[in-house]
N, C-alpha and C. Protein backbone atom coordinates (compact mmCIF):
# COMPACT_ATOMS: atom_id res chain seq x y z
N UNK A 1 -16.95 -22.88 -4.36
CA UNK A 1 -17.58 -23.78 -5.30
C UNK A 1 -16.87 -25.13 -5.26
N UNK A 2 -17.60 -26.18 -4.96
CA UNK A 2 -17.03 -27.51 -4.88
C UNK A 2 -16.71 -28.04 -6.28
N UNK A 3 -15.68 -28.84 -6.35
CA UNK A 3 -15.30 -29.45 -7.62
C UNK A 3 -16.23 -30.60 -7.96
N UNK A 4 -16.46 -30.79 -9.24
CA UNK A 4 -17.19 -31.98 -9.68
C UNK A 4 -16.25 -33.17 -9.58
N UNK A 5 -16.79 -34.36 -9.71
CA UNK A 5 -15.97 -35.57 -9.65
C UNK A 5 -14.93 -35.55 -10.78
N UNK A 6 -15.34 -35.11 -11.96
CA UNK A 6 -14.42 -35.04 -13.11
C UNK A 6 -13.30 -34.03 -12.83
N UNK A 7 -13.66 -32.84 -12.30
CA UNK A 7 -12.65 -31.82 -11.99
C UNK A 7 -11.67 -32.33 -10.94
N UNK A 8 -12.20 -33.00 -9.93
CA UNK A 8 -11.33 -33.55 -8.88
C UNK A 8 -10.36 -34.58 -9.47
N UNK A 9 -10.85 -35.41 -10.36
CA UNK A 9 -10.01 -36.41 -11.01
C UNK A 9 -8.91 -35.75 -11.84
N UNK A 10 -9.26 -34.70 -12.56
CA UNK A 10 -8.26 -33.98 -13.36
C UNK A 10 -7.18 -33.35 -12.48
N UNK A 11 -7.59 -32.76 -11.35
CA UNK A 11 -6.61 -32.17 -10.43
C UNK A 11 -5.67 -33.24 -9.89
N UNK A 12 -6.21 -34.38 -9.52
CA UNK A 12 -5.37 -35.47 -9.01
C UNK A 12 -4.39 -35.96 -10.07
N UNK A 13 -4.84 -36.03 -11.32
CA UNK A 13 -3.93 -36.40 -12.42
C UNK A 13 -2.82 -35.36 -12.58
N UNK A 14 -3.18 -34.08 -12.48
CA UNK A 14 -2.17 -33.03 -12.57
C UNK A 14 -1.20 -33.10 -11.40
N UNK A 15 -1.70 -33.46 -10.23
CA UNK A 15 -0.80 -33.64 -9.08
C UNK A 15 0.19 -34.77 -9.34
N UNK A 16 -0.28 -35.84 -9.99
CA UNK A 16 0.63 -36.93 -10.33
C UNK A 16 1.75 -36.43 -11.25
N UNK A 17 1.40 -35.56 -12.19
CA UNK A 17 2.41 -34.99 -13.09
C UNK A 17 3.39 -34.10 -12.32
N UNK A 18 2.86 -33.31 -11.40
CA UNK A 18 3.73 -32.44 -10.60
C UNK A 18 4.66 -33.26 -9.71
N UNK A 19 4.14 -34.35 -9.14
CA UNK A 19 4.97 -35.22 -8.30
C UNK A 19 6.09 -35.83 -9.13
N UNK A 20 5.78 -36.24 -10.36
CA UNK A 20 6.82 -36.76 -11.25
C UNK A 20 7.88 -35.70 -11.52
N UNK A 21 7.46 -34.47 -11.75
CA UNK A 21 8.41 -33.38 -11.99
C UNK A 21 9.28 -33.15 -10.76
N UNK A 22 8.68 -33.14 -9.59
CA UNK A 22 9.44 -32.95 -8.34
C UNK A 22 10.49 -34.05 -8.21
N UNK A 23 10.06 -35.29 -8.40
CA UNK A 23 10.99 -36.43 -8.27
C UNK A 23 12.09 -36.36 -9.31
N UNK A 24 11.71 -36.01 -10.54
CA UNK A 24 12.70 -35.94 -11.62
C UNK A 24 13.72 -34.84 -11.36
N UNK A 25 13.26 -33.65 -10.96
CA UNK A 25 14.20 -32.57 -10.69
C UNK A 25 15.09 -32.89 -9.49
N UNK A 26 14.54 -33.55 -8.50
CA UNK A 26 15.34 -33.94 -7.35
C UNK A 26 16.44 -34.92 -7.78
N UNK A 27 16.05 -35.92 -8.54
CA UNK A 27 17.01 -36.92 -9.03
C UNK A 27 18.05 -36.28 -9.95
N UNK A 28 17.59 -35.45 -10.86
CA UNK A 28 18.50 -34.83 -11.82
C UNK A 28 19.41 -33.79 -11.17
N UNK A 29 18.95 -33.13 -10.13
CA UNK A 29 19.82 -32.19 -9.40
C UNK A 29 21.00 -32.95 -8.78
N UNK A 30 20.74 -34.16 -8.31
CA UNK A 30 21.81 -35.00 -7.76
C UNK A 30 22.73 -35.53 -8.87
N UNK A 31 22.15 -35.82 -10.03
CA UNK A 31 22.90 -36.44 -11.11
C UNK A 31 23.68 -35.45 -11.98
N UNK A 32 23.25 -34.21 -12.01
CA UNK A 32 23.90 -33.22 -12.88
C UNK A 32 25.37 -33.05 -12.49
N UNK A 33 26.18 -32.82 -13.50
CA UNK A 33 27.62 -32.62 -13.27
C UNK A 33 27.94 -31.16 -12.97
N UNK A 34 27.20 -30.25 -13.55
CA UNK A 34 27.44 -28.82 -13.43
C UNK A 34 26.64 -28.22 -12.27
N UNK A 35 27.31 -27.45 -11.43
CA UNK A 35 26.63 -26.84 -10.27
C UNK A 35 25.54 -25.87 -10.71
N UNK A 36 25.76 -25.14 -11.78
CA UNK A 36 24.74 -24.22 -12.30
C UNK A 36 23.46 -24.98 -12.64
N UNK A 37 23.61 -26.14 -13.26
CA UNK A 37 22.45 -26.95 -13.62
C UNK A 37 21.81 -27.55 -12.37
N UNK A 38 22.61 -27.98 -11.42
CA UNK A 38 22.07 -28.48 -10.16
C UNK A 38 21.20 -27.41 -9.50
N UNK A 39 21.71 -26.18 -9.48
CA UNK A 39 20.96 -25.07 -8.88
C UNK A 39 19.64 -24.82 -9.62
N UNK A 40 19.69 -24.86 -10.95
CA UNK A 40 18.48 -24.67 -11.74
C UNK A 40 17.46 -25.76 -11.44
N UNK A 41 17.90 -27.01 -11.44
CA UNK A 41 16.98 -28.11 -11.17
C UNK A 41 16.38 -27.99 -9.76
N UNK A 42 17.17 -27.59 -8.80
CA UNK A 42 16.64 -27.42 -7.44
C UNK A 42 15.61 -26.29 -7.38
N UNK A 43 15.87 -25.23 -8.10
CA UNK A 43 14.92 -24.12 -8.15
C UNK A 43 13.60 -24.56 -8.80
N UNK A 44 13.71 -25.31 -9.88
CA UNK A 44 12.51 -25.79 -10.56
C UNK A 44 11.76 -26.80 -9.70
N UNK A 45 12.50 -27.62 -8.98
CA UNK A 45 11.87 -28.59 -8.06
C UNK A 45 11.02 -27.86 -7.02
N UNK A 46 11.54 -26.79 -6.47
CA UNK A 46 10.80 -26.00 -5.48
C UNK A 46 9.54 -25.42 -6.09
N UNK A 47 9.63 -24.92 -7.32
CA UNK A 47 8.47 -24.36 -7.98
C UNK A 47 7.43 -25.44 -8.29
N UNK A 48 7.89 -26.63 -8.66
CA UNK A 48 6.96 -27.74 -8.90
C UNK A 48 6.25 -28.14 -7.60
N UNK A 49 6.96 -28.07 -6.49
CA UNK A 49 6.32 -28.35 -5.20
C UNK A 49 5.25 -27.31 -4.90
N UNK A 50 5.52 -26.05 -5.25
CA UNK A 50 4.51 -25.00 -5.10
C UNK A 50 3.27 -25.32 -5.93
N UNK A 51 3.49 -25.83 -7.13
CA UNK A 51 2.36 -26.21 -7.99
C UNK A 51 1.55 -27.33 -7.34
N UNK A 52 2.25 -28.34 -6.85
CA UNK A 52 1.58 -29.46 -6.19
C UNK A 52 0.74 -28.95 -5.02
N UNK A 53 1.32 -28.05 -4.22
CA UNK A 53 0.60 -27.49 -3.08
C UNK A 53 -0.61 -26.67 -3.52
N UNK A 54 -0.47 -25.92 -4.62
CA UNK A 54 -1.60 -25.14 -5.14
C UNK A 54 -2.73 -26.06 -5.58
N UNK A 55 -2.38 -27.18 -6.20
CA UNK A 55 -3.39 -28.14 -6.60
C UNK A 55 -4.09 -28.74 -5.38
N UNK A 56 -3.33 -28.95 -4.31
CA UNK A 56 -3.95 -29.42 -3.05
C UNK A 56 -4.94 -28.40 -2.52
N UNK A 57 -4.58 -27.14 -2.62
CA UNK A 57 -5.50 -26.08 -2.18
C UNK A 57 -6.77 -26.07 -3.02
N UNK A 58 -6.63 -26.31 -4.32
CA UNK A 58 -7.81 -26.38 -5.18
C UNK A 58 -8.70 -27.55 -4.75
N UNK A 59 -8.08 -28.69 -4.46
CA UNK A 59 -8.86 -29.85 -4.00
C UNK A 59 -9.60 -29.54 -2.70
N UNK A 60 -9.00 -28.68 -1.87
CA UNK A 60 -9.61 -28.30 -0.59
C UNK A 60 -10.49 -27.06 -0.70
N UNK A 61 -10.76 -26.63 -1.94
CA UNK A 61 -11.61 -25.47 -2.20
C UNK A 61 -11.06 -24.20 -1.53
N UNK A 62 -9.74 -24.02 -1.62
CA UNK A 62 -9.07 -22.86 -1.03
C UNK A 62 -8.39 -22.03 -2.11
N UNK A 63 -9.07 -21.78 -3.20
CA UNK A 63 -8.45 -21.11 -4.34
C UNK A 63 -8.11 -19.65 -4.06
N UNK A 64 -8.77 -19.04 -3.11
CA UNK A 64 -8.49 -17.62 -2.84
C UNK A 64 -7.15 -17.41 -2.14
N UNK A 65 -6.58 -18.47 -1.57
CA UNK A 65 -5.33 -18.32 -0.83
C UNK A 65 -4.12 -18.87 -1.57
N UNK A 66 -4.26 -19.21 -2.84
CA UNK A 66 -3.13 -19.73 -3.61
C UNK A 66 -2.11 -18.62 -3.81
N UNK A 67 -0.88 -18.91 -3.40
CA UNK A 67 0.19 -17.94 -3.53
C UNK A 67 1.51 -18.68 -3.66
N UNK A 68 2.23 -18.47 -4.74
CA UNK A 68 3.53 -19.09 -4.90
C UNK A 68 4.38 -18.26 -5.84
N UNK A 69 5.68 -18.55 -5.81
CA UNK A 69 6.64 -17.78 -6.61
C UNK A 69 6.38 -17.96 -8.10
N UNK A 70 6.42 -16.87 -8.79
CA UNK A 70 6.30 -16.88 -10.25
C UNK A 70 7.71 -16.86 -10.83
N UNK A 71 8.05 -17.87 -11.61
CA UNK A 71 9.35 -17.89 -12.27
C UNK A 71 9.24 -17.16 -13.59
N UNK A 72 10.18 -16.28 -13.84
CA UNK A 72 10.17 -15.51 -15.06
C UNK A 72 11.42 -15.87 -15.87
N UNK A 73 11.22 -16.60 -16.94
CA UNK A 73 12.34 -17.07 -17.75
C UNK A 73 13.14 -15.93 -18.36
N UNK A 74 12.48 -14.80 -18.61
CA UNK A 74 13.20 -13.69 -19.24
C UNK A 74 14.26 -13.11 -18.30
N UNK A 75 14.14 -13.36 -17.01
CA UNK A 75 15.12 -12.86 -16.04
C UNK A 75 16.21 -13.87 -15.72
N UNK A 76 16.15 -15.04 -16.32
CA UNK A 76 17.15 -16.08 -16.06
C UNK A 76 18.27 -15.98 -17.07
N UNK A 77 19.49 -15.79 -16.55
CA UNK A 77 20.68 -15.70 -17.39
C UNK A 77 21.73 -16.65 -16.84
N UNK A 78 21.74 -17.88 -17.32
CA UNK A 78 22.71 -18.85 -16.80
C UNK A 78 24.12 -18.51 -17.22
N UNK A 79 25.07 -18.90 -16.37
CA UNK A 79 26.47 -18.71 -16.74
C UNK A 79 26.93 -19.93 -17.52
N UNK A 80 27.84 -19.70 -18.44
CA UNK A 80 28.39 -20.78 -19.24
C UNK A 80 29.42 -21.55 -18.43
N UNK A 81 29.24 -22.83 -18.35
CA UNK A 81 30.18 -23.69 -17.64
C UNK A 81 30.99 -24.51 -18.64
N UNK A 82 30.31 -24.99 -19.64
CA UNK A 82 30.96 -25.86 -20.61
C UNK A 82 31.54 -25.03 -21.75
N UNK A 83 32.82 -25.23 -22.02
CA UNK A 83 33.50 -24.55 -23.12
C UNK A 83 34.32 -25.58 -23.89
N UNK A 84 35.24 -25.13 -24.69
CA UNK A 84 36.02 -26.05 -25.52
C UNK A 84 36.98 -26.93 -24.72
N UNK A 85 37.24 -26.57 -23.47
CA UNK A 85 38.16 -27.37 -22.65
C UNK A 85 37.42 -28.26 -21.66
N UNK A 86 36.12 -28.33 -21.76
CA UNK A 86 35.33 -29.08 -20.78
C UNK A 86 35.39 -30.58 -21.04
N UNK A 87 34.93 -31.32 -20.06
CA UNK A 87 34.78 -32.76 -20.17
C UNK A 87 33.55 -33.03 -21.04
N UNK A 88 33.76 -33.55 -22.24
CA UNK A 88 32.66 -33.78 -23.20
C UNK A 88 31.64 -34.77 -22.66
N UNK A 89 32.08 -35.77 -21.93
CA UNK A 89 31.13 -36.76 -21.38
C UNK A 89 30.19 -36.10 -20.37
N UNK A 90 30.73 -35.22 -19.52
CA UNK A 90 29.88 -34.50 -18.57
C UNK A 90 28.88 -33.61 -19.29
N UNK A 91 29.36 -32.94 -20.32
CA UNK A 91 28.49 -32.06 -21.10
C UNK A 91 27.36 -32.85 -21.74
N UNK A 92 27.67 -33.98 -22.35
CA UNK A 92 26.65 -34.81 -22.99
C UNK A 92 25.66 -35.35 -21.95
N UNK A 93 26.17 -35.71 -20.78
CA UNK A 93 25.31 -36.20 -19.70
C UNK A 93 24.31 -35.12 -19.30
N UNK A 94 24.80 -33.91 -19.06
CA UNK A 94 23.92 -32.81 -18.65
C UNK A 94 22.97 -32.41 -19.77
N UNK A 95 23.43 -32.49 -21.01
CA UNK A 95 22.56 -32.19 -22.15
C UNK A 95 21.38 -33.16 -22.18
N UNK A 96 21.65 -34.44 -21.92
CA UNK A 96 20.57 -35.43 -21.89
C UNK A 96 19.54 -35.08 -20.81
N UNK A 97 20.02 -34.73 -19.62
CA UNK A 97 19.11 -34.37 -18.53
C UNK A 97 18.23 -33.19 -18.94
N UNK A 98 18.84 -32.19 -19.55
CA UNK A 98 18.10 -31.00 -19.98
C UNK A 98 17.06 -31.34 -21.04
N UNK A 99 17.46 -32.12 -22.02
CA UNK A 99 16.55 -32.47 -23.10
C UNK A 99 15.36 -33.26 -22.57
N UNK A 100 15.60 -34.17 -21.65
CA UNK A 100 14.52 -34.95 -21.05
C UNK A 100 13.58 -34.04 -20.26
N UNK A 101 14.13 -33.10 -19.53
CA UNK A 101 13.29 -32.19 -18.73
C UNK A 101 12.45 -31.27 -19.62
N UNK A 102 13.02 -30.81 -20.71
CA UNK A 102 12.24 -29.98 -21.64
C UNK A 102 11.06 -30.79 -22.19
N UNK A 103 11.30 -32.03 -22.55
CA UNK A 103 10.22 -32.89 -23.05
C UNK A 103 9.14 -33.07 -21.99
N UNK A 104 9.54 -33.26 -20.75
CA UNK A 104 8.59 -33.41 -19.66
C UNK A 104 7.77 -32.14 -19.48
N UNK A 105 8.44 -31.00 -19.50
CA UNK A 105 7.74 -29.72 -19.33
C UNK A 105 6.74 -29.49 -20.47
N UNK A 106 7.11 -29.86 -21.68
CA UNK A 106 6.18 -29.71 -22.81
C UNK A 106 4.92 -30.56 -22.57
N UNK A 107 5.12 -31.78 -22.11
CA UNK A 107 4.00 -32.66 -21.86
C UNK A 107 3.10 -32.11 -20.75
N UNK A 108 3.70 -31.68 -19.65
CA UNK A 108 2.92 -31.17 -18.52
C UNK A 108 2.18 -29.89 -18.91
N UNK A 109 2.83 -29.01 -19.63
CA UNK A 109 2.17 -27.78 -20.09
C UNK A 109 0.96 -28.13 -20.95
N UNK A 110 1.12 -29.11 -21.81
CA UNK A 110 0.02 -29.54 -22.67
C UNK A 110 -1.14 -30.11 -21.85
N UNK A 111 -0.81 -30.85 -20.80
CA UNK A 111 -1.86 -31.40 -19.93
C UNK A 111 -2.67 -30.28 -19.29
N UNK A 112 -1.97 -29.25 -18.81
CA UNK A 112 -2.68 -28.10 -18.22
C UNK A 112 -3.55 -27.41 -19.28
N UNK A 113 -3.00 -27.24 -20.46
CA UNK A 113 -3.73 -26.56 -21.52
C UNK A 113 -5.04 -27.30 -21.84
N UNK A 114 -4.98 -28.61 -21.90
CA UNK A 114 -6.17 -29.39 -22.21
C UNK A 114 -7.15 -29.42 -21.04
N UNK A 115 -6.64 -29.52 -19.82
CA UNK A 115 -7.50 -29.71 -18.66
C UNK A 115 -8.18 -28.44 -18.17
N UNK A 116 -7.53 -27.31 -18.29
CA UNK A 116 -8.09 -26.11 -17.66
C UNK A 116 -9.44 -25.71 -18.23
N UNK A 117 -9.73 -26.11 -19.44
CA UNK A 117 -11.02 -25.77 -20.05
C UNK A 117 -12.16 -26.63 -19.51
N UNK A 118 -11.84 -27.60 -18.68
CA UNK A 118 -12.85 -28.49 -18.11
C UNK A 118 -13.44 -27.94 -16.80
N UNK A 119 -12.94 -26.80 -16.33
CA UNK A 119 -13.33 -26.28 -15.02
C UNK A 119 -14.31 -25.13 -15.14
N UNK A 120 -15.32 -25.16 -14.30
CA UNK A 120 -16.33 -24.10 -14.29
C UNK A 120 -15.84 -22.85 -13.57
N UNK A 121 -14.99 -23.03 -12.58
CA UNK A 121 -14.53 -21.92 -11.75
C UNK A 121 -13.46 -21.08 -12.45
N UNK A 122 -13.71 -19.79 -12.52
CA UNK A 122 -12.72 -18.87 -13.08
C UNK A 122 -11.44 -18.89 -12.27
N UNK A 123 -11.56 -18.93 -10.93
CA UNK A 123 -10.37 -18.95 -10.07
C UNK A 123 -9.50 -20.18 -10.35
N UNK A 124 -10.13 -21.32 -10.52
CA UNK A 124 -9.37 -22.54 -10.80
C UNK A 124 -8.72 -22.44 -12.17
N UNK A 125 -9.45 -22.00 -13.17
CA UNK A 125 -8.87 -21.85 -14.51
C UNK A 125 -7.68 -20.90 -14.49
N UNK A 126 -7.80 -19.80 -13.76
CA UNK A 126 -6.69 -18.84 -13.66
C UNK A 126 -5.49 -19.47 -12.96
N UNK A 127 -5.73 -20.24 -11.92
CA UNK A 127 -4.62 -20.91 -11.22
C UNK A 127 -3.93 -21.92 -12.13
N UNK A 128 -4.71 -22.68 -12.85
CA UNK A 128 -4.13 -23.67 -13.76
C UNK A 128 -3.39 -23.00 -14.91
N UNK A 129 -3.91 -21.90 -15.40
CA UNK A 129 -3.23 -21.14 -16.44
C UNK A 129 -1.90 -20.58 -15.93
N UNK A 130 -1.90 -20.12 -14.70
CA UNK A 130 -0.67 -19.61 -14.08
C UNK A 130 0.38 -20.73 -14.02
N UNK A 131 -0.05 -21.91 -13.60
CA UNK A 131 0.88 -23.04 -13.50
C UNK A 131 1.37 -23.43 -14.90
N UNK A 132 0.47 -23.44 -15.87
CA UNK A 132 0.88 -23.78 -17.23
C UNK A 132 1.96 -22.82 -17.73
N UNK A 133 1.79 -21.54 -17.46
CA UNK A 133 2.80 -20.56 -17.86
C UNK A 133 4.13 -20.84 -17.18
N UNK A 134 4.08 -21.21 -15.90
CA UNK A 134 5.31 -21.59 -15.20
C UNK A 134 5.99 -22.77 -15.89
N UNK A 135 5.21 -23.76 -16.28
CA UNK A 135 5.79 -24.94 -16.94
C UNK A 135 6.50 -24.52 -18.23
N UNK A 136 5.90 -23.62 -18.97
CA UNK A 136 6.54 -23.11 -20.19
C UNK A 136 7.83 -22.36 -19.84
N UNK A 137 7.80 -21.59 -18.76
CA UNK A 137 8.99 -20.87 -18.32
C UNK A 137 10.10 -21.84 -17.90
N UNK A 138 9.73 -22.95 -17.27
CA UNK A 138 10.74 -23.95 -16.89
C UNK A 138 11.47 -24.44 -18.13
N UNK A 139 10.70 -24.80 -19.16
CA UNK A 139 11.32 -25.29 -20.39
C UNK A 139 12.22 -24.23 -21.01
N UNK A 140 11.77 -22.98 -20.99
CA UNK A 140 12.58 -21.91 -21.55
C UNK A 140 13.88 -21.72 -20.77
N UNK A 141 13.81 -21.81 -19.45
CA UNK A 141 15.01 -21.65 -18.63
C UNK A 141 16.02 -22.76 -18.93
N UNK A 142 15.53 -23.99 -19.05
CA UNK A 142 16.43 -25.10 -19.37
C UNK A 142 17.01 -24.92 -20.76
N UNK A 143 16.20 -24.47 -21.71
CA UNK A 143 16.69 -24.21 -23.06
C UNK A 143 17.78 -23.13 -23.04
N UNK A 144 17.58 -22.09 -22.23
CA UNK A 144 18.61 -21.04 -22.11
C UNK A 144 19.91 -21.61 -21.57
N UNK A 145 19.80 -22.50 -20.58
CA UNK A 145 20.99 -23.15 -20.04
C UNK A 145 21.70 -23.93 -21.16
N UNK A 146 20.91 -24.71 -21.91
CA UNK A 146 21.49 -25.50 -23.01
C UNK A 146 22.17 -24.58 -24.04
N UNK A 147 21.50 -23.53 -24.42
CA UNK A 147 22.06 -22.61 -25.42
C UNK A 147 23.35 -21.96 -24.94
N UNK A 148 23.33 -21.49 -23.71
CA UNK A 148 24.50 -20.83 -23.13
C UNK A 148 25.71 -21.77 -23.09
N UNK A 149 25.43 -23.06 -22.93
CA UNK A 149 26.50 -24.04 -22.80
C UNK A 149 26.76 -24.83 -24.08
N UNK A 150 26.25 -24.33 -25.22
CA UNK A 150 26.54 -24.95 -26.51
C UNK A 150 25.96 -26.34 -26.65
N UNK A 151 24.77 -26.57 -26.09
CA UNK A 151 24.14 -27.89 -26.13
C UNK A 151 22.96 -27.95 -27.08
N UNK A 152 22.65 -26.87 -27.75
CA UNK A 152 21.46 -26.85 -28.60
C UNK A 152 21.71 -27.48 -29.94
């Protein structure tokens, strides 16, 4: 089933959001002080790239072949890096990165929630719902990192 002009426009807008997430996680992985956080950001960047690729497949009417890693926040258990003897400036720096990423994930999840109801195809709606759930899991994983490291 071919996309309507409106559906195609919505997918391209969602791709713009995914590209921003990819760029942000790439930049923040370089900027983070803690290796655990760098690893998390790199993992999320890879998942955002999977989302971007899935959206490309939707644009190419290839919804039956969409396949990417599902991140499960309930299985993420970050190790605590920051404690009472840590560098407070580094901790505050990483806390800012986390807080900004959570805000971004909330926005992107909301965009998916609003847009997925605009699609006639069940396969496309299911794919977008899957991505939306991933975005929520990203925010939860970052929140777990913040909580574990006393940043909440």
